[in-house]
Amino acid sequence: MKIVLIKPLITEKVTNLSTDLNKYGFVVDYNTNKFEIAKAVQKKYGVNVESVNTIRYKGKAKTMFRRSGRFTGKTPKFKKAIVTLKKGEKIEIFEQA
């Protein structure tokens, strides 16, 4: 069984979305689809999901210069999910932040 929800996304923008539009953000597994995300949120938090929007971020190439030479690497790729809940429902983790 794979882990779908990695962590809640608590930023200023997502906090404003949660208070105004009843939308909550999560960092999710890169290969999950919207149906799996909705099912995981319903199971973990016991709320009814109205819709799910996803954003995929590719890893960026980074170069570091040190005394011993040049090193190249990448930042990790990840996926964000913005979950809209039905009216009157809330997730308590976001209300405490």
Foldseek 3Di string as FASTA:
>chain_A
DDFFFDAWDDDPVQLVCCVPQVKTKTWTAQPDDFVVVQVVCCVPQVFHWDGKDKDKACWDKDWDQDPVGIDIDTDHITMMMITHTDPPDHGVVSVVD
